Amino acid sequence: MPTILGQNQYGKAENRVVKITRDGATHHIKDLNVSVALSGDMDDVHYNGSNANVLPTDTTKNTVYAFAKEHGIESAEQFGVHLARHFVTSQEPIHRARIRIEEYAWERIEASGEAGHSFVRKGQETRLTQVTFDGAHWEVVSGLKDLTVMNSTDSEFWGYVKDRYTTLKEAYDRILATSVSARWRFNWTDDTQEMPDWDASYARVKQHMLRAFAETYSLSLQQTLYQMGSRVIEECAEVDEIRFSLPNSHHFLVDLEPFGLKNDTPDGAVYFASDRPYGLIEATVLRDGCEARIPVDLTNL
C-alpha cells in the first residue's frame, strides 16, 4: 500500500447549548459552544468504510445536550471533564476525547419588581477551555479571547533598531491597547489529584492578568506580556504555563494643524484608532522546570 493513515479524529463541532436553571423566580444561564473530537481504533472506517467502531457524530451531539440536563453545567471545564470521561470509558474503540468549549457570559438586568429572568450579554471576553482525556491522564487548557484593555499613559517605546526603512518616531508617552487572547494549562493531570475550582481559578487568573497590565509601566508590549504571565504563574499555583497573543492596537495622534488646532496638550489629545495593520506580540511564560505544551499557534487550540 503506497499510503498509510496518519492522525485522525472525528466528532460534532459547535453544538450550541443554552442551559436555563430555574431557582424559583430567579433563573441562571449557561451558554456554551461545545465541540467534540474523538480518536482511537478508526483504521477500518478509513481503509474499508466499516462503521463498526464509529459512534455517530449525531450521537455525540445528543450526548452534549443530554449531559447538560442530567449533570447540569457547573463550569465549562467540569462539563468538558464529564463529556471526555464518558466518551473514553463508554466506547472501547475510543482512546482519546478532546472537548473544546467557548462560554458566553450573561449579566442579570437589575429592574424593579421580580427581574430574575432578564439578562444582557456581557461584551468583555469569551471564556475558553479544552479538555483532553486518554483514559488515564487529563490535560485542561483554559483561556479567553477578545478581552480589550487600554492604558492611556505609562507606556513608552524608544531605543529600537533603526534602518533605512524606519519612519516610526520614538514615543515617551503613548496609548497601549490590545485585545488579549490567552491560554493557560493546569497542572491537574489525573484523578488522584484534587480538581481545581474552575470558576474561582478563571476569576483569579483574569484578575492578576489585568492587574499586571494596569500596574506595569511599559517600555514595550513584550515587557507587559511577560509581567502579565509572571503574575499569573506566581499567584495561581494550579497553572504551570500561559501563552498570550497580543495585537498592538495602535493609536495615532491626529494632525489637527490644518485646522489651526494643537492636538497633544496637557488637557488631552485626539487619536485615530487603527485596526490594521497591527503589531502582534506572542509568547509563553512557564513555571520554572515545566515543559511548554500549549501550541504556538493559538488558532489551533
Foldseek 3Di string as FASTA:
>chain_A
DPDDDDDDKDAAFFQWDWDWDDPDLAIDIWTKGKTKIWDFPCRCCVPPVDCPQPDDNVVLSVVLHVCCVVVNDPDPVVSQVVSFLCVCVVRPRTQKMKMKMKIWDWDFDDDPDRRNPDTDTDDAWIKIWMWMDRPFWIKIKIWIWQHKDKDQWLEWEDPDDDDPPDDDDGGPTHMWIWIKTKIWIFPGIGPVDDDDPVVVLVVVLVVLLVVLLVPDSYHDVQVSVQSSQVSSVVPPVGTFKMKIKIWGFDWAFDPCVVVVDDADDPVHGDTDTDPDDTDIDIDMDGDPPDDDDQDRDVVVD
